[in-house]
Amino acid sequence: MGTEVAITDEFTAAMRLVRLPVVLGSEAEREAVAYRMIGDYAVTAHITQHAGTSYVRMCGQLYNRPEHYERLANAITNALAE
């Protein structure tokens, strides 16, 4: 998505917050993006906000493959554009 993660590698395990390219200022905006991702792309991810920045919460597991993360990035990018 062309953004960065919230903290460096040494302070994480499997979970990451990845900054969204836009700020979703309200809970309603974050929920709308999450619902579009579910309804239009069959992708579920939690959208959150901290200190004026919006993030998607990702949890990597051994069974995830690179194409899963690409699918997530595409779903978020498309849902944000709608």
PDB file of N, CA and C in Angstrom:
ATOM      1  N   MET A   1       0.815  -1.196   0.000  1.00  0.00           N
ATOM      2  CA  MET A   1       0.000   0.000   0.000  1.00  0.00           C
ATOM      3  C   MET A   1       0.857   1.258   0.000  1.00  0.00           C
ATOM      4  N   GLY A   2       2.157   1.083   0.139  1.00  0.00           N
ATOM      5  CA  GLY A   2       3.039   2.236   0.129  1.00  0.00           C
ATOM      6  C   GLY A   2       3.106   2.961   1.460  1.00  0.00           C
ATOM      7  N   THR A   3       2.747   2.284   2.549  1.00  0.00           N
ATOM      8  CA  THR A   3       2.813   2.903   3.873  1.00  0.00           C
ATOM      9  C   THR A   3       3.800   2.117   4.729  1.00  0.00           C
ATOM     10  N   GLU A   4       3.763   2.357   6.041  1.00  0.00           N
ATOM     11  CA  GLU A   4       4.695   1.666   6.916  1.00  0.00           C
ATOM     12  C   GLU A   4       3.965   1.045   8.101  1.00  0.00           C
ATOM     13  N   VAL A   5       4.698   0.201   8.832  1.00  0.00           N
ATOM     14  CA  VAL A   5       4.138  -0.409  10.040  1.00  0.00           C
ATOM     15  C   VAL A   5       4.344   0.548  11.206  1.00  0.00           C
ATOM     16  N   ALA A   6       3.574   0.336  12.271  1.00  0.00           N
ATOM     17  CA  ALA A   6       3.573   1.270  13.390  1.00  0.00           C
ATOM     18  C   ALA A   6       4.842   1.195  14.234  1.00  0.00           C
ATOM     19  N   ILE A   7       5.428   0.013  14.400  1.00  0.00           N
ATOM     20  CA  ILE A   7       6.631  -0.122  15.221  1.00  0.00           C
ATOM     21  C   ILE A   7       7.625  -1.044  14.534  1.00  0.00           C
ATOM     22  N   THR A   8       8.841  -1.047  15.026  1.00  0.00           N
ATOM     23  CA  THR A   8       9.907  -1.821  14.396  1.00  0.00           C
ATOM     24  C   THR A   8       9.796  -3.308  14.691  1.00  0.00           C
ATOM     25  N   ASP A   9      10.488  -4.103  13.897  1.00  0.00           N
ATOM     26  CA  ASP A   9      10.416  -5.559  13.968  1.00  0.00           C
ATOM     27  C   ASP A   9      10.719  -6.133  15.343  1.00  0.00           C
ATOM     28  N   GLU A  10      11.680  -5.586  16.056  1.00  0.00           N
ATOM     29  CA  GLU A  10      12.075  -6.197  17.323  1.00  0.00           C
ATOM     30  C   GLU A  10      11.010  -6.098  18.405  1.00  0.00           C
ATOM     31  N   PHE A  11       9.981  -5.289  18.196  1.00  0.00           N
ATOM     32  CA  PHE A  11       8.925  -5.142  19.187  1.00  0.00           C
ATOM     33  C   PHE A  11       7.619  -5.827  18.792  1.00  0.00           C
ATOM     34  N   THR A  12       7.672  -6.716  17.819  1.00  0.00           N
ATOM     35  CA  THR A  12       6.446  -7.370  17.371  1.00  0.00           C
ATOM     36  C   THR A  12       6.621  -8.875  17.335  1.00  0.00           C
ATOM     37  N   ALA A  13       5.522  -9.549  17.284  1.00  0.00           N
ATOM     38  CA  ALA A  13       5.511 -10.998  17.058  1.00  0.00           C
ATOM     39  C   ALA A  13       4.776 -11.197  15.738  1.00  0.00           C
ATOM     40  N   ALA A  14       3.599 -11.766  15.786  1.00  0.00           N
ATOM     41  CA  ALA A  14       2.852 -12.032  14.561  1.00  0.00           C
ATOM     42  C   ALA A  14       1.893 -10.903  14.192  1.00  0.00           C
ATOM     43  N   MET A  15       1.627  -9.979  15.116  1.00  0.00           N
ATOM     44  CA  MET A  15       0.636  -8.950  14.860  1.00  0.00           C
ATOM     45  C   MET A  15       1.297  -7.622  14.511  1.00  0.00           C
ATOM     46  N   ARG A  16       0.692  -6.924  13.550  1.00  0.00           N
ATOM     47  CA  ARG A  16       1.204  -5.623  13.104  1.00  0.00           C
ATOM     48  C   ARG A  16       0.064  -4.656  12.875  1.00  0.00           C
ATOM     49  N   LEU A  17       0.351  -3.387  13.078  1.00  0.00           N
ATOM     50  CA  LEU A  17      -0.520  -2.309  12.635  1.00  0.00           C
ATOM     51  C   LEU A  17       0.149  -1.685  11.423  1.00  0.00           C
ATOM     52  N   VAL A  18      -0.581  -1.662  10.307  1.00  0.00           N
ATOM     53  CA  VAL A  18      -0.067  -1.075   9.073  1.00  0.00           C
ATOM     54  C   VAL A  18      -0.861   0.200   8.815  1.00  0.00           C
ATOM     55  N   ARG A  19      -0.133   1.305   8.675  1.00  0.00           N
ATOM     56  CA  ARG A  19      -0.778   2.603   8.472  1.00  0.00           C
ATOM     57  C   ARG A  19      -1.545   2.617   7.164  1.00  0.00           C
ATOM     58  N   LEU A  20      -2.760   3.136   7.219  1.00  0.00           N
ATOM     59  CA  LEU A  20      -3.551   3.321   6.000  1.00  0.00           C
ATOM     60  C   LEU A  20      -3.094   4.596   5.297  1.00  0.00           C
ATOM     61  N   PRO A  21      -3.289   4.675   3.995  1.00  0.00           N
ATOM     62  CA  PRO A  21      -2.857   5.865   3.252  1.00  0.00           C
ATOM     63  C   PRO A  21      -3.747   7.088   3.491  1.00  0.00           C
ATOM     64  N   VAL A  22      -4.862   6.916   4.192  1.00  0.00           N
ATOM     65  CA  VAL A  22      -5.758   8.028   4.530  1.00  0.00           C
ATOM     66  C   VAL A  22      -6.161   7.893   5.998  1.00  0.00           C
ATOM     67  N   VAL A  23      -6.637   8.987   6.575  1.00  0.00           N
ATOM     68  CA  VAL A  23      -7.148   8.961   7.944  1.00  0.00           C
ATOM     69  C   VAL A  23      -8.657   8.809   7.881  1.00  0.00           C
ATOM     70  N   LEU A  24      -9.157   7.824   8.588  1.00  0.00           N
ATOM     71  CA  LEU A  24     -10.597   7.613   8.718  1.00  0.00           C
ATOM     72  C   LEU A  24     -10.972   8.164  10.085  1.00  0.00           C
ATOM     73  N   GLY A  25     -11.545   9.350  10.110  1.00  0.00           N
ATOM     74  CA  GLY A  25     -11.714  10.093  11.343  1.00  0.00           C
ATOM     75  C   GLY A  25     -12.750   9.576  12.318  1.00  0.00           C
ATOM     76  N   SER A  26     -13.732   8.853  11.846  1.00  0.00           N
ATOM     77  CA  SER A  26     -14.780   8.411  12.761  1.00  0.00           C
ATOM     78  C   SER A  26     -14.897   6.891  12.750  1.00  0.00           C
ATOM     79  N   GLU A  27     -15.507   6.383  13.810  1.00  0.00           N
ATOM     80  CA  GLU A  27     -15.755   4.939  13.902  1.00  0.00           C
ATOM     81  C   GLU A  27     -16.659   4.498  12.752  1.00  0.00           C
ATOM     82  N   ALA A  28     -17.611   5.327  12.384  1.00  0.00           N
ATOM     83  CA  ALA A  28     -18.515   4.991  11.283  1.00  0.00           C
ATOM     84  C   ALA A  28     -17.752   4.832   9.970  1.00  0.00           C
ATOM     85  N   GLU A  29     -16.766   5.692   9.716  1.00  0.00           N
ATOM     86  CA  GLU A  29     -15.951   5.566   8.502  1.00  0.00           C
ATOM     87  C   GLU A  29     -15.143   4.273   8.514  1.00  0.00           C
ATOM     88  N   ARG A  30     -14.542   3.960   9.668  1.00  0.00           N
ATOM     89  CA  ARG A  30     -13.751   2.731   9.779  1.00  0.00           C
ATOM     90  C   ARG A  30     -14.622   1.502   9.584  1.00  0.00           C
ATOM     91  N   GLU A  31     -15.812   1.505  10.181  1.00  0.00           N
ATOM     92  CA  GLU A  31     -16.733   0.377  10.021  1.00  0.00           C
ATOM     93  C   GLU A  31     -17.194   0.238   8.578  1.00  0.00           C
ATOM     94  N   ALA A  32     -17.445   1.354   7.906  1.00  0.00           N
ATOM     95  CA  ALA A  32     -17.892   1.307   6.512  1.00  0.00           C
ATOM     96  C   ALA A  32     -16.839   0.653   5.629  1.00  0.00           C
ATOM     97  N   VAL A  33     -15.572   0.995   5.837  1.00  0.00           N
ATOM     98  CA  VAL A  33     -14.491   0.375   5.056  1.00  0.00           C
ATOM     99  C   VAL A  33     -14.416  -1.118   5.367  1.00  0.00           C
ATOM    100  N   ALA A  34     -14.496  -1.472   6.647  1.00  0.00           N
ATOM    101  CA  ALA A  34     -14.440  -2.884   7.032  1.00  0.00           C
ATOM    102  C   ALA A  34     -15.595  -3.672   6.411  1.00  0.00           C
ATOM    103  N   TYR A  35     -16.795  -3.105   6.410  1.00  0.00           N
ATOM    104  CA  TYR A  35     -17.954  -3.786   5.815  1.00  0.00           C
ATOM    105  C   TYR A  35     -17.818  -3.915   4.297  1.00  0.00           C
ATOM    106  N   ARG A  36     -17.261  -2.904   3.634  1.00  0.00           N
ATOM    107  CA  ARG A  36     -17.026  -3.012   2.187  1.00  0.00           C
ATOM    108  C   ARG A  36     -16.020  -4.121   1.893  1.00  0.00           C
ATOM    109  N   MET A  37     -14.989  -4.220   2.723  1.00  0.00           N
ATOM    110  CA  MET A  37     -13.994  -5.282   2.525  1.00  0.00           C
ATOM    111  C   MET A  37     -14.644  -6.656   2.651  1.00  0.00           C
ATOM    112  N   ILE A  38     -15.516  -6.810   3.642  1.00  0.00           N
ATOM    113  CA  ILE A  38     -16.195  -8.091   3.845  1.00  0.00           C
ATOM    114  C   ILE A  38     -17.167  -8.367   2.700  1.00  0.00           C
ATOM    115  N   GLY A  39     -18.037  -7.410   2.418  1.00  0.00           N
ATOM    116  CA  GLY A  39     -19.092  -7.616   1.434  1.00  0.00           C
ATOM    117  C   GLY A  39     -18.609  -7.714   0.002  1.00  0.00           C
ATOM    118  N   ASP A  40     -17.647  -6.884  -0.371  1.00  0.00           N
ATOM    119  CA  ASP A  40     -17.211  -6.825  -1.763  1.00  0.00           C
ATOM    120  C   ASP A  40     -16.013  -7.711  -2.076  1.00  0.00           C
ATOM    121  N   TYR A  41     -15.180  -8.000  -1.059  1.00  0.00           N
ATOM    122  CA  TYR A  41     -13.918  -8.703  -1.329  1.00  0.00           C
ATOM    123  C   TYR A  41     -13.715  -9.960  -0.487  1.00  0.00           C
ATOM    124  N   ALA A  42     -14.673 -10.263   0.399  1.00  0.00           N
ATOM    125  CA  ALA A  42     -14.594 -11.438   1.281  1.00  0.00           C
ATOM    126  C   ALA A  42     -13.293 -11.446   2.087  1.00  0.00           C
ATOM    127  N   VAL A  43     -12.911 -10.260   2.587  1.00  0.00           N
ATOM    128  CA  VAL A  43     -11.711 -10.089   3.404  1.00  0.00           C
ATOM    129  C   VAL A  43     -12.133  -9.432   4.714  1.00  0.00           C
ATOM    130  N   THR A  44     -11.708 -10.016   5.825  1.00  0.00           N
ATOM    131  CA  THR A  44     -12.018  -9.457   7.132  1.00  0.00           C
ATOM    132  C   THR A  44     -10.741  -8.941   7.776  1.00  0.00           C
ATOM    133  N   ALA A  45     -10.768  -7.691   8.224  1.00  0.00           N
ATOM    134  CA  ALA A  45      -9.637  -7.104   8.935  1.00  0.00           C
ATOM    135  C   ALA A  45     -10.166  -5.981   9.819  1.00  0.00           C
ATOM    136  N   HIS A  46      -9.517  -5.775  10.934  1.00  0.00           N
ATOM    137  CA  HIS A  46      -9.919  -4.725  11.867  1.00  0.00           C
ATOM    138  C   HIS A  46      -9.234  -3.421  11.488  1.00  0.00           C
ATOM    139  N   ILE A  47     -10.032  -2.360  11.376  1.00  0.00           N
ATOM    140  CA  ILE A  47      -9.516  -1.014  11.100  1.00  0.00           C
ATOM    141  C   ILE A  47      -9.586  -0.244  12.415  1.00  0.00           C
ATOM    142  N   THR A  48      -8.489   0.379  12.803  1.00  0.00           N
ATOM    143  CA  THR A  48      -8.431   1.091  14.075  1.00  0.00           C
ATOM    144  C   THR A  48      -7.743   2.439  13.892  1.00  0.00           C
ATOM    145  N   GLN A  49      -7.742   3.225  14.955  1.00  0.00           N
ATOM    146  CA  GLN A  49      -7.097   4.535  14.897  1.00  0.00           C
ATOM    147  C   GLN A  49      -6.368   4.788  16.200  1.00  0.00           C
ATOM    148  N   HIS A  50      -5.208   5.425  16.099  1.00  0.00           N
ATOM    149  CA  HIS A  50      -4.436   5.822  17.268  1.00  0.00           C
ATOM    150  C   HIS A  50      -3.681   7.105  16.932  1.00  0.00           C
ATOM    151  N   ALA A  51      -3.762   8.062  17.818  1.00  0.00           N
ATOM    152  CA  ALA A  51      -3.031   9.328  17.687  1.00  0.00           C
ATOM    153  C   ALA A  51      -3.234   9.979  16.321  1.00  0.00           C
ATOM    154  N   GLY A  52      -4.489   9.967  15.849  1.00  0.00           N
ATOM    155  CA  GLY A  52      -4.812  10.634  14.599  1.00  0.00           C
ATOM    156  C   GLY A  52      -4.395   9.906  13.336  1.00  0.00           C
ATOM    157  N   THR A  53      -3.999   8.648  13.448  1.00  0.00           N
ATOM    158  CA  THR A  53      -3.594   7.850  12.293  1.00  0.00           C
ATOM    159  C   THR A  53      -4.441   6.588  12.237  1.00  0.00           C
ATOM    160  N   SER A  54      -4.881   6.215  11.050  1.00  0.00           N
ATOM    161  CA  SER A  54      -5.684   5.005  10.870  1.00  0.00           C
ATOM    162  C   SER A  54      -4.795   3.837  10.459  1.00  0.00           C
ATOM    163  N   TYR A  55      -5.129   2.658  10.983  1.00  0.00           N
ATOM    164  CA  TYR A  55      -4.350   1.450  10.743  1.00  0.00           C
ATOM    165  C   TYR A  55      -5.258   0.268  10.435  1.00  0.00           C
ATOM    166  N   VAL A  56      -4.704  -0.714   9.749  1.00  0.00           N
ATOM    167  CA  VAL A  56      -5.328  -2.018   9.633  1.00  0.00           C
ATOM    168  C   VAL A  56      -4.489  -2.951  10.497  1.00  0.00           C
ATOM    169  N   ARG A  57      -5.165  -3.785  11.272  1.00  0.00           N
ATOM    170  CA  ARG A  57      -4.472  -4.732  12.140  1.00  0.00           C
ATOM    171  C   ARG A  57      -4.314  -6.050  11.392  1.00  0.00           C
ATOM    172  N   MET A  58      -3.082  -6.491  11.275  1.00  0.00           N
ATOM    173  CA  MET A  58      -2.784  -7.735  10.562  1.00  0.00           C
ATOM    174  C   MET A  58      -2.128  -8.718  11.524  1.00  0.00           C
ATOM    175  N   CYS A  59      -2.461  -9.974  11.359  1.00  0.00           N
ATOM    176  CA  CYS A  59      -1.845 -11.019  12.162  1.00  0.00           C
ATOM    177  C   CYS A  59      -1.341 -12.096  11.214  1.00  0.00           C
ATOM    178  N   GLY A  60      -0.034 -12.212  11.109  1.00  0.00           N
ATOM    179  CA  GLY A  60       0.562 -13.210  10.226  1.00  0.00           C
ATOM    180  C   GLY A  60       0.622 -14.573  10.899  1.00  0.00           C
ATOM    181  N   GLN A  61       0.330 -15.589  10.128  1.00  0.00           N
ATOM    182  CA  GLN A  61       0.392 -16.958  10.624  1.00  0.00           C
ATOM    183  C   GLN A  61       1.143 -17.812   9.617  1.00  0.00           C
ATOM    184  N   LEU A  62       1.577 -18.975  10.052  1.00  0.00           N
ATOM    185  CA  LEU A  62       2.343 -19.862   9.175  1.00  0.00           C
ATOM    186  C   LEU A  62       1.569 -20.257   7.925  1.00  0.00           C
ATOM    187  N   TYR A  63       0.249 -20.330   8.025  1.00  0.00           N
ATOM    188  CA  TYR A  63      -0.558 -20.756   6.877  1.00  0.00           C
ATOM    189  C   TYR A  63      -0.829 -19.626   5.896  1.00  0.00           C
ATOM    190  N   ASN A  64      -0.506 -18.373   6.248  1.00  0.00           N
ATOM    191  CA  ASN A  64      -0.681 -17.268   5.307  1.00  0.00           C
ATOM    192  C   ASN A  64       0.414 -17.290   4.250  1.00  0.00           C
ATOM    193  N   ARG A  65       0.003 -16.981   3.025  1.00  0.00           N
ATOM    194  CA  ARG A  65       0.947 -16.917   1.912  1.00  0.00           C
ATOM    195  C   ARG A  65       0.981 -15.478   1.391  1.00  0.00           C
ATOM    196  N   PRO A  66       2.019 -15.122   0.634  1.00  0.00           N
ATOM    197  CA  PRO A  66       2.119 -13.748   0.126  1.00  0.00           C
ATOM    198  C   PRO A  66       0.854 -13.279  -0.593  1.00  0.00           C
ATOM    199  N   GLU A  67       0.211 -14.163  -1.326  1.00  0.00           N
ATOM    200  CA  GLU A  67      -0.992 -13.743  -2.053  1.00  0.00           C
ATOM    201  C   GLU A  67      -2.135 -13.356  -1.109  1.00  0.00           C
ATOM    202  N   HIS A  68      -2.145 -13.865   0.123  1.00  0.00           N
ATOM    203  CA  HIS A  68      -3.157 -13.449   1.097  1.00  0.00           C
ATOM    204  C   HIS A  68      -2.958 -11.976   1.476  1.00  0.00           C
ATOM    205  N   TYR A  69      -1.705 -11.578   1.666  1.00  0.00           N
ATOM    206  CA  TYR A  69      -1.421 -10.190   2.021  1.00  0.00           C
ATOM    207  C   TYR A  69      -1.679  -9.265   0.834  1.00  0.00           C
ATOM    208  N   GLU A  70      -1.419  -9.746  -0.364  1.00  0.00           N
ATOM    209  CA  GLU A  70      -1.729  -8.957  -1.559  1.00  0.00           C
ATOM    210  C   GLU A  70      -3.232  -8.767  -1.688  1.00  0.00           C
ATOM    211  N   ARG A  71      -3.993  -9.822  -1.398  1.00  0.00           N
ATOM    212  CA  ARG A  71      -5.453  -9.730  -1.456  1.00  0.00           C
ATOM    213  C   ARG A  71      -5.963  -8.729  -0.425  1.00  0.00           C
ATOM    214  N   LEU A  72      -5.399  -8.761   0.782  1.00  0.00           N
ATOM    215  CA  LEU A  72      -5.779  -7.805   1.813  1.00  0.00           C
ATOM    216  C   LEU A  72      -5.466  -6.377   1.375  1.00  0.00           C
ATOM    217  N   ALA A  73      -4.271  -6.149   0.859  1.00  0.00           N
ATOM    218  CA  ALA A  73      -3.889  -4.806   0.408  1.00  0.00           C
ATOM    219  C   ALA A  73      -4.801  -4.320  -0.704  1.00  0.00           C
ATOM    220  N   ASN A  74      -5.144  -5.185  -1.648  1.00  0.00           N
ATOM    221  CA  ASN A  74      -6.048  -4.797  -2.738  1.00  0.00           C
ATOM    222  C   ASN A  74      -7.440  -4.478  -2.213  1.00  0.00           C
ATOM    223  N   ALA A  75      -7.936  -5.291  -1.268  1.00  0.00           N
ATOM    224  CA  ALA A  75      -9.270  -5.055  -0.709  1.00  0.00           C
ATOM    225  C   ALA A  75      -9.309  -3.724   0.024  1.00  0.00           C
ATOM    226  N   ILE A  76      -8.282  -3.429   0.812  1.00  0.00           N
ATOM    227  CA  ILE A  76      -8.257  -2.160   1.543  1.00  0.00           C
ATOM    228  C   ILE A  76      -8.177  -0.991   0.578  1.00  0.00           C
ATOM    229  N   THR A  77      -7.277  -1.078  -0.375  1.00  0.00           N
ATOM    230  CA  THR A  77      -7.113   0.008  -1.345  1.00  0.00           C
ATOM    231  C   THR A  77      -8.405   0.277  -2.089  1.00  0.00           C
ATOM    232  N   ASN A  78      -9.061  -0.769  -2.550  1.00  0.00           N
ATOM    233  CA  ASN A  78     -10.323  -0.606  -3.280  1.00  0.00           C
ATOM    234  C   ASN A  78     -11.442  -0.098  -2.377  1.00  0.00           C
ATOM    235  N   ALA A  79     -11.526  -0.625  -1.150  1.00  0.00           N
ATOM    236  CA  ALA A  79     -12.579  -0.192  -0.234  1.00  0.00           C
ATOM    237  C   ALA A  79     -12.401   1.277   0.167  1.00  0.00           C
ATOM    238  N   LEU A  80     -11.156   1.721   0.289  1.00  0.00           N
ATOM    239  CA  LEU A  80     -10.910   3.129   0.610  1.00  0.00           C
ATOM    240  C   LEU A  80     -11.274   4.046  -0.551  1.00  0.00           C
ATOM    241  N   ALA A  81     -11.135   3.544  -1.770  1.00  0.00           N
ATOM    242  CA  ALA A  81     -11.409   4.356  -2.968  1.00  0.00           C
ATOM    243  C   ALA A  81     -12.910   4.512  -3.217  1.00  0.00           C
ATOM    244  N   GLU A  82     -13.720   3.656  -2.661  1.00  0.00           N
ATOM    245  CA  GLU A  82     -15.170   3.690  -2.926  1.00  0.00           C
ATOM    246  C   GLU A  82     -15.857   4.797  -2.179  1.00  0.00           C
TER     247      GLU A  82
END
